[in-house]
């Protein structure tokens, strides 16, 4: 079986975990990056990811964007409940893939 290109996911919380499972199911190796890890160093060790998905909270996004190397910005995806262009344009991210998801848990 031939593996598809790898995907890096920064933030493996509720939304990041859902996307990680979907990418794994589709045959992509997934490299999780957590807040305890050195983001730029960890991302530089991942062999040519087809996507670097940032699945962090609104308040964490600016700090994570500051830590990204220029190479990560070419294949960047942003995943949050609310995303506005000024949130990424101010960090020299020009054309990311933007995923805005409203995720609600049902209580039983």
PDB file of N, CA and C in Angstrom:
ATOM      1  N   UNK A   1       0.844  -1.184   0.000  1.00  0.00           N
ATOM      2  CA  UNK A   1       0.000   0.000   0.000  1.00  0.00           C
ATOM      3  C   UNK A   1       0.887   1.244   0.000  1.00  0.00           C
ATOM      4  N   UNK A   2       0.584   2.164  -0.865  1.00  0.00           N
ATOM      5  CA  UNK A   2       1.342   3.412  -0.962  1.00  0.00           C
ATOM      6  C   UNK A   2       0.669   4.480  -0.100  1.00  0.00           C
ATOM      7  N   UNK A   3       1.431   5.041   0.837  1.00  0.00           N
ATOM      8  CA  UNK A   3       0.877   6.095   1.691  1.00  0.00           C
ATOM      9  C   UNK A   3       0.775   7.401   0.929  1.00  0.00           C
ATOM     10  N   UNK A   4      -0.228   8.142   1.254  1.00  0.00           N
ATOM     11  CA  UNK A   4      -0.404   9.475   0.688  1.00  0.00           C
ATOM     12  C   UNK A   4       0.538  10.441   1.409  1.00  0.00           C
ATOM     13  N   UNK A   5       0.687  11.661   0.892  1.00  0.00           N
ATOM     14  CA  UNK A   5       1.590  12.630   1.538  1.00  0.00           C
ATOM     15  C   UNK A   5       1.167  12.923   2.980  1.00  0.00           C
ATOM     16  N   UNK A   6       2.145  13.247   3.837  1.00  0.00           N
ATOM     17  CA  UNK A   6       1.835  13.499   5.246  1.00  0.00           C
ATOM     18  C   UNK A   6       1.134  14.842   5.466  1.00  0.00           C
ATOM     19  N   UNK A   7       0.464  14.899   6.594  1.00  0.00           N
ATOM     20  CA  UNK A   7      -0.225  16.111   7.032  1.00  0.00           C
ATOM     21  C   UNK A   7       0.214  16.397   8.465  1.00  0.00           C
ATOM     22  N   UNK A   8       0.565  17.650   8.731  1.00  0.00           N
ATOM     23  CA  UNK A   8       0.908  18.083  10.092  1.00  0.00           C
ATOM     24  C   UNK A   8      -0.303  18.807  10.669  1.00  0.00           C
ATOM     25  N   UNK A   9      -0.626  18.510  11.904  1.00  0.00           N
ATOM     26  CA  UNK A   9      -1.734  19.202  12.575  1.00  0.00           C
ATOM     27  C   UNK A   9      -1.216  19.789  13.872  1.00  0.00           C
ATOM     28  N   UNK A  10      -1.299  21.109  13.982  1.00  0.00           N
ATOM     29  CA  UNK A  10      -0.912  21.815  15.204  1.00  0.00           C
ATOM     30  C   UNK A  10      -2.192  22.043  16.002  1.00  0.00           C
ATOM     31  N   UNK A  11      -2.306  21.337  17.106  1.00  0.00           N
ATOM     32  CA  UNK A  11      -3.500  21.411  17.939  1.00  0.00           C
ATOM     33  C   UNK A  11      -4.353  20.171  17.742  1.00  0.00           C
ATOM     34  N   UNK A  12      -4.276  19.246  18.661  1.00  0.00           N
ATOM     35  CA  UNK A  12      -5.042  18.004  18.540  1.00  0.00           C
ATOM     36  C   UNK A  12      -6.108  17.993  19.640  1.00  0.00           C
ATOM     37  N   UNK A  13      -6.942  19.007  19.587  1.00  0.00           N
ATOM     38  CA  UNK A  13      -8.061  19.079  20.521  1.00  0.00           C
ATOM     39  C   UNK A  13      -9.300  18.493  19.861  1.00  0.00           C
ATOM     40  N   UNK A  14     -10.428  19.047  20.183  1.00  0.00           N
ATOM     41  CA  UNK A  14     -11.697  18.524  19.690  1.00  0.00           C
ATOM     42  C   UNK A  14     -11.773  18.559  18.160  1.00  0.00           C
ATOM     43  N   UNK A  15     -11.529  19.707  17.553  1.00  0.00           N
ATOM     44  CA  UNK A  15     -11.603  19.802  16.100  1.00  0.00           C
ATOM     45  C   UNK A  15     -10.405  19.163  15.410  1.00  0.00           C
ATOM     46  N   UNK A  16      -9.206  19.410  15.921  1.00  0.00           N
ATOM     47  CA  UNK A  16      -8.004  18.819  15.331  1.00  0.00           C
ATOM     48  C   UNK A  16      -8.063  17.300  15.344  1.00  0.00           C
ATOM     49  N   UNK A  17      -8.607  16.728  16.408  1.00  0.00           N
ATOM     50  CA  UNK A  17      -8.741  15.276  16.506  1.00  0.00           C
ATOM     51  C   UNK A  17      -9.690  14.704  15.469  1.00  0.00           C
ATOM     52  N   UNK A  18     -10.781  15.400  15.211  1.00  0.00           N
ATOM     53  CA  UNK A  18     -11.736  14.957  14.188  1.00  0.00           C
ATOM     54  C   UNK A  18     -11.065  14.941  12.818  1.00  0.00           C
ATOM     55  N   UNK A  19     -10.334  15.994  12.492  1.00  0.00           N
ATOM     56  CA  UNK A  19      -9.657  16.071  11.199  1.00  0.00           C
ATOM     57  C   UNK A  19      -8.517  15.059  11.113  1.00  0.00           C
ATOM     58  N   UNK A  20      -7.800  14.835  12.217  1.00  0.00           N
ATOM     59  CA  UNK A  20      -6.716  13.846  12.223  1.00  0.00           C
ATOM     60  C   UNK A  20      -7.266  12.459  11.886  1.00  0.00           C
ATOM     61  N   UNK A  21      -8.367  12.073  12.514  1.00  0.00           N
ATOM     62  CA  UNK A  21      -8.957  10.761  12.234  1.00  0.00           C
ATOM     63  C   UNK A  21      -9.410  10.660  10.780  1.00  0.00           C
ATOM     64  N   UNK A  22      -9.969  11.717  10.236  1.00  0.00           N
ATOM     65  CA  UNK A  22     -10.419  11.697   8.841  1.00  0.00           C
ATOM     66  C   UNK A  22      -9.232  11.565   7.880  1.00  0.00           C
ATOM     67  N   UNK A  23      -8.157  12.304   8.138  1.00  0.00           N
ATOM     68  CA  UNK A  23      -6.967  12.199   7.285  1.00  0.00           C
ATOM     69  C   UNK A  23      -6.345  10.805   7.376  1.00  0.00           C
ATOM     70  N   UNK A  24      -6.287  10.245   8.574  1.00  0.00           N
ATOM     71  CA  UNK A  24      -5.755   8.887   8.747  1.00  0.00           C
ATOM     72  C   UNK A  24      -6.616   7.877   7.993  1.00  0.00           C
ATOM     73  N   UNK A  25      -7.910   8.026   8.102  1.00  0.00           N
ATOM     74  CA  UNK A  25      -8.840   7.132   7.400  1.00  0.00           C
ATOM     75  C   UNK A  25      -8.655   7.228   5.883  1.00  0.00           C
ATOM     76  N   UNK A  26      -8.291   8.409   5.396  1.00  0.00           N
ATOM     77  CA  UNK A  26      -8.067   8.615   3.958  1.00  0.00           C
ATOM     78  C   UNK A  26      -6.677   8.150   3.520  1.00  0.00           C
ATOM     79  N   UNK A  27      -5.851   7.686   4.453  1.00  0.00           N
ATOM     80  CA  UNK A  27      -4.547   7.135   4.103  1.00  0.00           C
ATOM     81  C   UNK A  27      -3.363   8.068   4.240  1.00  0.00           C
ATOM     82  N   UNK A  28      -3.566   9.239   4.842  1.00  0.00           N
ATOM     83  CA  UNK A  28      -2.459  10.181   5.051  1.00  0.00           C
ATOM     84  C   UNK A  28      -1.812   9.932   6.405  1.00  0.00           C
ATOM     85  N   UNK A  29      -0.484   9.862   6.470  1.00  0.00           N
ATOM     86  CA  UNK A  29       0.156   9.870   7.786  1.00  0.00           C
ATOM     87  C   UNK A  29      -0.068  11.247   8.418  1.00  0.00           C
ATOM     88  N   UNK A  30      -0.388  11.254   9.683  1.00  0.00           N
ATOM     89  CA  UNK A  30      -0.663  12.510  10.398  1.00  0.00           C
ATOM     90  C   UNK A  30       0.384  12.697  11.481  1.00  0.00           C
ATOM     91  N   UNK A  31       0.981  13.877  11.492  1.00  0.00           N
ATOM     92  CA  UNK A  31       1.977  14.236  12.502  1.00  0.00           C
ATOM     93  C   UNK A  31       1.349  15.266  13.436  1.00  0.00           C
ATOM     94  N   UNK A  32       1.010  14.876  14.663  1.00  0.00           N
ATOM     95  CA  UNK A  32       0.428  15.833  15.598  1.00  0.00           C
ATOM     96  C   UNK A  32       1.509  16.706  16.232  1.00  0.00           C
ATOM     97  N   UNK A  33       1.175  17.970  16.419  1.00  0.00           N
ATOM     98  CA  UNK A  33       2.064  18.909  17.107  1.00  0.00           C
ATOM     99  C   UNK A  33       1.244  19.530  18.238  1.00  0.00           C
ATOM    100  N   UNK A  34       1.709  19.325  19.473  1.00  0.00           N
ATOM    101  CA  UNK A  34       0.985  19.847  20.623  1.00  0.00           C
ATOM    102  C   UNK A  34       1.659  21.104  21.158  1.00  0.00           C
ATOM    103  N   UNK A  35       0.981  21.794  22.037  1.00  0.00           N
ATOM    104  CA  UNK A  35       1.523  23.046  22.580  1.00  0.00           C
ATOM    105  C   UNK A  35       2.759  22.836  23.438  1.00  0.00           C
ATOM    106  N   UNK A  36       2.996  21.608  23.893  1.00  0.00           N
ATOM    107  CA  UNK A  36       4.198  21.322  24.673  1.00  0.00           C
ATOM    108  C   UNK A  36       5.437  21.177  23.792  1.00  0.00           C
ATOM    109  N   UNK A  37       5.251  21.050  22.486  1.00  0.00           N
ATOM    110  CA  UNK A  37       6.355  20.839  21.558  1.00  0.00           C
ATOM    111  C   UNK A  37       6.834  22.179  20.994  1.00  0.00           C
ATOM    112  N   UNK A  38       8.066  22.215  20.553  1.00  0.00           N
ATOM    113  CA  UNK A  38       8.599  23.389  19.859  1.00  0.00           C
ATOM    114  C   UNK A  38       8.064  23.327  18.430  1.00  0.00           C
ATOM    115  N   UNK A  39       7.137  24.222  18.110  1.00  0.00           N
ATOM    116  CA  UNK A  39       6.379  24.135  16.859  1.00  0.00           C
ATOM    117  C   UNK A  39       7.273  24.181  15.623  1.00  0.00           C
ATOM    118  N   UNK A  40       8.091  25.195  15.479  1.00  0.00           N
ATOM    119  CA  UNK A  40       8.875  25.342  14.250  1.00  0.00           C
ATOM    120  C   UNK A  40       9.866  24.195  14.075  1.00  0.00           C
ATOM    121  N   UNK A  41      10.511  23.764  15.143  1.00  0.00           N
ATOM    122  CA  UNK A  41      11.465  22.650  15.057  1.00  0.00           C
ATOM    123  C   UNK A  41      10.751  21.357  14.679  1.00  0.00           C
ATOM    124  N   UNK A  42       9.620  21.098  15.318  1.00  0.00           N
ATOM    125  CA  UNK A  42       8.860  19.875  15.034  1.00  0.00           C
ATOM    126  C   UNK A  42       8.381  19.868  13.589  1.00  0.00           C
ATOM    127  N   UNK A  43       7.832  20.986  13.120  1.00  0.00           N
ATOM    128  CA  UNK A  43       7.347  21.047  11.745  1.00  0.00           C
ATOM    129  C   UNK A  43       8.477  20.875  10.735  1.00  0.00           C
ATOM    130  N   UNK A  44       9.670  21.366  11.057  1.00  0.00           N
ATOM    131  CA  UNK A  44      10.794  21.247  10.123  1.00  0.00           C
ATOM    132  C   UNK A  44      11.256  19.796   9.961  1.00  0.00           C
ATOM    133  N   UNK A  45      10.887  18.926  10.876  1.00  0.00           N
ATOM    134  CA  UNK A  45      11.284  17.516  10.824  1.00  0.00           C
ATOM    135  C   UNK A  45      10.283  16.631  10.083  1.00  0.00           C
ATOM    136  N   UNK A  46       9.154  17.184   9.709  1.00  0.00           N
ATOM    137  CA  UNK A  46       8.126  16.402   9.010  1.00  0.00           C
ATOM    138  C   UNK A  46       8.448  16.406   7.521  1.00  0.00           C
ATOM    139  N   UNK A  47       8.529  15.235   6.908  1.00  0.00           N
ATOM    140  CA  UNK A  47       8.947  15.143   5.507  1.00  0.00           C
ATOM    141  C   UNK A  47       7.878  15.642   4.525  1.00  0.00           C
ATOM    142  N   UNK A  48       8.029  16.872   4.043  1.00  0.00           N
ATOM    143  CA  UNK A  48       7.193  17.466   2.992  1.00  0.00           C
ATOM    144  C   UNK A  48       5.689  17.292   3.200  1.00  0.00           C
ATOM    145  N   UNK A  49       5.140  17.883   4.256  1.00  0.00           N
ATOM    146  CA  UNK A  49       3.688  17.747   4.444  1.00  0.00           C
ATOM    147  C   UNK A  49       2.914  18.457   3.330  1.00  0.00           C
ATOM    148  N   UNK A  50       1.853  17.828   2.897  1.00  0.00           N
ATOM    149  CA  UNK A  50       0.998  18.420   1.868  1.00  0.00           C
ATOM    150  C   UNK A  50       0.129  19.533   2.470  1.00  0.00           C
ATOM    151  N   UNK A  51      -0.061  19.466   3.790  1.00  0.00           N
ATOM    152  CA  UNK A  51      -0.876  20.441   4.512  1.00  0.00           C
ATOM    153  C   UNK A  51      -0.348  20.574   5.922  1.00  0.00           C
ATOM    154  N   UNK A  52      -0.261  21.812   6.393  1.00  0.00           N
ATOM    155  CA  UNK A  52      -0.021  22.086   7.807  1.00  0.00           C
ATOM    156  C   UNK A  52      -1.288  22.747   8.312  1.00  0.00           C
ATOM    157  N   UNK A  53      -2.049  22.016   9.100  1.00  0.00           N
ATOM    158  CA  UNK A  53      -3.342  22.485   9.594  1.00  0.00           C
ATOM    159  C   UNK A  53      -3.179  23.039  11.003  1.00  0.00           C
ATOM    160  N   UNK A  54      -3.558  24.296  11.191  1.00  0.00           N
ATOM    161  CA  UNK A  54      -3.532  24.918  12.513  1.00  0.00           C
ATOM    162  C   UNK A  54      -4.932  24.811  13.110  1.00  0.00           C
ATOM    163  N   UNK A  55      -5.073  24.004  14.125  1.00  0.00           N
ATOM    164  CA  UNK A  55      -6.357  23.792  14.780  1.00  0.00           C
ATOM    165  C   UNK A  55      -6.242  24.268  16.225  1.00  0.00           C
ATOM    166  N   UNK A  56      -5.928  25.546  16.374  1.00  0.00           N
ATOM    167  CA  UNK A  56      -5.726  26.133  17.699  1.00  0.00           C
ATOM    168  C   UNK A  56      -6.820  27.160  17.960  1.00  0.00           C
ATOM    169  N   UNK A  57      -6.939  27.577  19.193  1.00  0.00           N
ATOM    170  CA  UNK A  57      -7.971  28.551  19.554  1.00  0.00           C
ATOM    171  C   UNK A  57      -7.660  29.932  18.979  1.00  0.00           C
ATOM    172  N   UNK A  58      -8.668  30.758  18.962  1.00  0.00           N
ATOM    173  CA  UNK A  58      -8.515  32.126  18.437  1.00  0.00           C
ATOM    174  C   UNK A  58      -7.403  32.875  19.158  1.00  0.00           C
ATOM    175  N   UNK A  59      -7.332  32.716  20.473  1.00  0.00           N
ATOM    176  CA  UNK A  59      -6.318  33.456  21.233  1.00  0.00           C
ATOM    177  C   UNK A  59      -4.913  32.887  21.031  1.00  0.00           C
ATOM    178  N   UNK A  60      -4.799  31.625  20.628  1.00  0.00           N
ATOM    179  CA  UNK A  60      -3.483  31.019  20.383  1.00  0.00           C
ATOM    180  C   UNK A  60      -2.976  31.229  18.960  1.00  0.00           C
ATOM    181  N   UNK A  61      -3.864  31.554  18.028  1.00  0.00           N
ATOM    182  CA  UNK A  61      -3.471  31.658  16.620  1.00  0.00           C
ATOM    183  C   UNK A  61      -2.340  32.652  16.362  1.00  0.00           C
ATOM    184  N   UNK A  62      -2.376  33.879  16.873  1.00  0.00           N
ATOM    185  CA  UNK A  62      -1.284  34.816  16.589  1.00  0.00           C
ATOM    186  C   UNK A  62       0.083  34.289  17.020  1.00  0.00           C
ATOM    187  N   UNK A  63       0.168  33.684  18.186  1.00  0.00           N
ATOM    188  CA  UNK A  63       1.440  33.154  18.670  1.00  0.00           C
ATOM    189  C   UNK A  63       1.945  31.999  17.825  1.00  0.00           C
ATOM    190  N   UNK A  64       1.038  31.149  17.369  1.00  0.00           N
ATOM    191  CA  UNK A  64       1.433  30.025  16.522  1.00  0.00           C
ATOM    192  C   UNK A  64       1.884  30.531  15.159  1.00  0.00           C
ATOM    193  N   UNK A  65       1.167  31.488  14.585  1.00  0.00           N
ATOM    194  CA  UNK A  65       1.554  32.035  13.280  1.00  0.00           C
ATOM    195  C   UNK A  65       2.938  32.678  13.332  1.00  0.00           C
ATOM    196  N   UNK A  66       3.267  33.308  14.456  1.00  0.00           N
ATOM    197  CA  UNK A  66       4.599  33.914  14.605  1.00  0.00           C
ATOM    198  C   UNK A  66       5.707  32.871  14.582  1.00  0.00           C
ATOM    199  N   UNK A  67       5.407  31.664  15.030  1.00  0.00           N
ATOM    200  CA  UNK A  67       6.414  30.610  15.137  1.00  0.00           C
ATOM    201  C   UNK A  67       6.616  29.819  13.842  1.00  0.00           C
ATOM    202  N   UNK A  68       5.770  30.042  12.844  1.00  0.00           N
ATOM    203  CA  UNK A  68       5.869  29.262  11.611  1.00  0.00           C
ATOM    204  C   UNK A  68       6.994  29.754  10.723  1.00  0.00           C
ATOM    205  N   UNK A  69       7.698  28.823  10.124  1.00  0.00           N
ATOM    206  CA  UNK A  69       8.728  29.194   9.152  1.00  0.00           C
ATOM    207  C   UNK A  69       8.035  29.574   7.843  1.00  0.00           C
ATOM    208  N   UNK A  70       8.697  30.339   6.993  1.00  0.00           N
ATOM    209  CA  UNK A  70       8.093  30.727   5.709  1.00  0.00           C
ATOM    210  C   UNK A  70       7.662  29.526   4.867  1.00  0.00           C
ATOM    211  N   UNK A  71       8.375  28.406   4.934  1.00  0.00           N
ATOM    212  CA  UNK A  71       8.017  27.231   4.155  1.00  0.00           C
ATOM    213  C   UNK A  71       6.674  26.640   4.528  1.00  0.00           C
ATOM    214  N   UNK A  72       6.267  26.782   5.780  1.00  0.00           N
ATOM    215  CA  UNK A  72       4.980  26.244   6.233  1.00  0.00           C
ATOM    216  C   UNK A  72       3.801  27.073   5.731  1.00  0.00           C
ATOM    217  N   UNK A  73       4.058  28.276   5.328  1.00  0.00           N
ATOM    218  CA  UNK A  73       2.972  29.177   4.938  1.00  0.00           C
ATOM    219  C   UNK A  73       2.410  28.873   3.549  1.00  0.00           C
ATOM    220  N   UNK A  74       3.122  28.057   2.763  1.00  0.00           N
ATOM    221  CA  UNK A  74       2.677  27.753   1.406  1.00  0.00           C
ATOM    222  C   UNK A  74       1.532  26.753   1.368  1.00  0.00           C
ATOM    223  N   UNK A  75       1.423  25.920   2.361  1.00  0.00           N
ATOM    224  CA  UNK A  75       0.392  24.873   2.384  1.00  0.00           C
ATOM    225  C   UNK A  75      -0.364  24.894   3.709  1.00  0.00           C
ATOM    226  N   UNK A  76      -0.740  26.069   4.128  1.00  0.00           N
ATOM    227  CA  UNK A  76      -1.320  26.268   5.452  1.00  0.00           C
ATOM    228  C   UNK A  76      -2.840  26.186   5.418  1.00  0.00           C
ATOM    229  N   UNK A  77      -3.392  25.470   6.388  1.00  0.00           N
ATOM    230  CA  UNK A  77      -4.830  25.434   6.606  1.00  0.00           C
ATOM    231  C   UNK A  77      -5.126  25.970   7.987  1.00  0.00           C
ATOM    232  N   UNK A  78      -6.168  26.760   8.111  1.00  0.00           N
ATOM    233  CA  UNK A  78      -6.569  27.335   9.398  1.00  0.00           C
ATOM    234  C   UNK A  78      -7.947  26.789   9.758  1.00  0.00           C
ATOM    235  N   UNK A  79      -8.076  26.240  10.949  1.00  0.00           N
ATOM    236  CA  UNK A  79      -9.315  25.611  11.399  1.00  0.00           C
ATOM    237  C   UNK A  79      -9.722  26.196  12.738  1.00  0.00           C
ATOM    238  N   UNK A  80     -10.869  26.857  12.746  1.00  0.00           N
ATOM    239  CA  UNK A  80     -11.401  27.433  13.987  1.00  0.00           C
ATOM    240  C   UNK A  80     -12.900  27.596  13.842  1.00  0.00           C
ATOM    241  N   UNK A  81     -13.538  27.983  14.934  1.00  0.00           N
ATOM    242  CA  UNK A  81     -14.953  28.324  14.880  1.00  0.00           C
ATOM    243  C   UNK A  81     -15.165  29.657  14.179  1.00  0.00           C
ATOM    244  N   UNK A  82     -14.211  30.571  14.336  1.00  0.00           N
ATOM    245  CA  UNK A  82     -14.347  31.904  13.737  1.00  0.00           C
ATOM    246  C   UNK A  82     -12.993  32.366  13.225  1.00  0.00           C
ATOM    247  N   UNK A  83     -12.937  32.684  11.934  1.00  0.00           N
ATOM    248  CA  UNK A  83     -11.700  33.165  11.325  1.00  0.00           C
ATOM    249  C   UNK A  83     -11.996  34.375  10.457  1.00  0.00           C
ATOM    250  N   UNK A  84     -11.191  35.396  10.604  1.00  0.00           N
ATOM    251  CA  UNK A  84     -11.319  36.599   9.783  1.00  0.00           C
ATOM    252  C   UNK A  84      -9.969  36.907   9.144  1.00  0.00           C
ATOM    253  N   UNK A  85      -9.947  37.452   7.929  1.00  0.00           N
ATOM    254  CA  UNK A  85      -8.685  37.696   7.216  1.00  0.00           C
ATOM    255  C   UNK A  85      -7.642  38.483   7.994  1.00  0.00           C
ATOM    256  N   UNK A  86      -8.045  39.468   8.787  1.00  0.00           N
ATOM    257  CA  UNK A  86      -7.029  40.232   9.521  1.00  0.00           C
ATOM    258  C   UNK A  86      -6.264  39.357  10.510  1.00  0.00           C
ATOM    259  N   UNK A  87      -6.826  38.212  10.886  1.00  0.00           N
ATOM    260  CA  UNK A  87      -6.156  37.297  11.800  1.00  0.00           C
ATOM    261  C   UNK A  87      -4.946  36.617  11.198  1.00  0.00           C
ATOM    262  N   UNK A  88      -4.920  36.459   9.879  1.00  0.00           N
ATOM    263  CA  UNK A  88      -3.764  35.830   9.239  1.00  0.00           C
ATOM    264  C   UNK A  88      -2.979  36.776   8.347  1.00  0.00           C
ATOM    265  N   UNK A  89      -3.620  37.780   7.769  1.00  0.00           N
ATOM    266  CA  UNK A  89      -2.911  38.714   6.891  1.00  0.00           C
ATOM    267  C   UNK A  89      -1.840  39.498   7.641  1.00  0.00           C
ATOM    268  N   UNK A  90      -2.085  39.804   8.894  1.00  0.00           N
ATOM    269  CA  UNK A  90      -1.105  40.556   9.691  1.00  0.00           C
ATOM    270  C   UNK A  90       0.148  39.720   9.990  1.00  0.00           C
ATOM    271  N   UNK A  91       0.121  38.431   9.663  1.00  0.00           N
ATOM    272  CA  UNK A  91       1.271  37.543   9.889  1.00  0.00           C
ATOM    273  C   UNK A  91       1.859  37.054   8.560  1.00  0.00           C
ATOM    274  N   UNK A  92       1.599  37.815   7.488  1.00  0.00           N
ATOM    275  CA  UNK A  92       2.130  37.507   6.155  1.00  0.00           C
ATOM    276  C   UNK A  92       1.693  36.143   5.630  1.00  0.00           C
ATOM    277  N   UNK A  93       0.515  35.727   6.006  1.00  0.00           N
ATOM    278  CA  UNK A  93      -0.098  34.530   5.435  1.00  0.00           C
ATOM    279  C   UNK A  93      -1.082  35.044   4.393  1.00  0.00           C
ATOM    280  N   UNK A  94      -0.815  34.728   3.119  1.00  0.00           N
ATOM    281  CA  UNK A  94      -1.565  35.350   2.031  1.00  0.00           C
ATOM    282  C   UNK A  94      -2.805  34.561   1.626  1.00  0.00           C
ATOM    283  N   UNK A  95      -2.675  33.281   1.384  1.00  0.00           N
ATOM    284  CA  UNK A  95      -3.836  32.534   0.876  1.00  0.00           C
ATOM    285  C   UNK A  95      -3.945  31.150   1.525  1.00  0.00           C
ATOM    286  N   UNK A  96      -4.293  31.117   2.805  1.00  0.00           N
ATOM    287  CA  UNK A  96      -4.453  29.820   3.464  1.00  0.00           C
ATOM    288  C   UNK A  96      -5.777  29.165   3.060  1.00  0.00           C
ATOM    289  N   UNK A  97      -5.868  27.890   3.291  1.00  0.00           N
ATOM    290  CA  UNK A  97      -7.160  27.215   3.218  1.00  0.00           C
ATOM    291  C   UNK A  97      -7.838  27.498   4.553  1.00  0.00           C
ATOM    292  N   UNK A  98      -9.048  27.990   4.520  1.00  0.00           N
ATOM    293  CA  UNK A  98      -9.750  28.387   5.741  1.00  0.00           C
ATOM    294  C   UNK A  98     -10.944  27.468   5.956  1.00  0.00           C
ATOM    295  N   UNK A  99     -10.988  26.869   7.142  1.00  0.00           N
ATOM    296  CA  UNK A  99     -12.088  25.986   7.509  1.00  0.00           C
ATOM    297  C   UNK A  99     -12.722  26.563   8.762  1.00  0.00           C
ATOM    298  N   UNK A 100     -13.933  27.026   8.628  1.00  0.00           N
ATOM    299  CA  UNK A 100     -14.648  27.580   9.771  1.00  0.00           C
ATOM    300  C   UNK A 100     -15.770  26.616  10.126  1.00  0.00           C
ATOM    301  N   UNK A 101     -15.668  26.023  11.305  1.00  0.00           N
ATOM    302  CA  UNK A 101     -16.586  24.961  11.715  1.00  0.00           C
ATOM    303  C   UNK A 101     -17.293  25.384  12.995  1.00  0.00           C
ATOM    304  N   UNK A 102     -18.582  25.190  13.001  1.00  0.00           N
ATOM    305  CA  UNK A 102     -19.299  25.361  14.255  1.00  0.00           C
ATOM    306  C   UNK A 102     -19.571  23.966  14.768  1.00  0.00           C
ATOM    307  N   UNK A 103     -18.990  23.619  15.908  1.00  0.00           N
ATOM    308  CA  UNK A 103     -19.052  22.276  16.443  1.00  0.00           C
ATOM    309  C   UNK A 103     -19.828  22.336  17.750  1.00  0.00           C
ATOM    310  N   UNK A 104     -20.889  21.589  17.825  1.00  0.00           N
ATOM    311  CA  UNK A 104     -21.712  21.607  19.023  1.00  0.00           C
ATOM    312  C   UNK A 104     -21.905  20.192  19.530  1.00  0.00           C
ATOM    313  N   UNK A 105     -21.702  19.995  20.808  1.00  0.00           N
ATOM    314  CA  UNK A 105     -21.924  18.685  21.410  1.00  0.00           C
ATOM    315  C   UNK A 105     -23.369  18.587  21.887  1.00  0.00           C
ATOM    316  N   UNK A 106     -23.934  17.447  21.653  1.00  0.00           N
ATOM    317  CA  UNK A 106     -25.289  17.210  22.180  1.00  0.00           C
ATOM    318  C   UNK A 106     -25.151  16.574  23.556  1.00  0.00           C
ATOM    319  N   UNK A 107     -25.899  17.081  24.486  1.00  0.00           N
ATOM    320  CA  UNK A 107     -25.926  16.493  25.824  1.00  0.00           C
ATOM    321  C   UNK A 107     -27.025  15.453  25.881  1.00  0.00           C
ATOM    322  N   UNK A 108     -26.726  14.352  26.467  1.00  0.00           N
ATOM    323  CA  UNK A 108     -27.752  13.287  26.591  1.00  0.00           C
ATOM    324  C   UNK A 108     -28.049  13.026  28.015  1.00  0.00           C
TER     325      UNK A 108
END
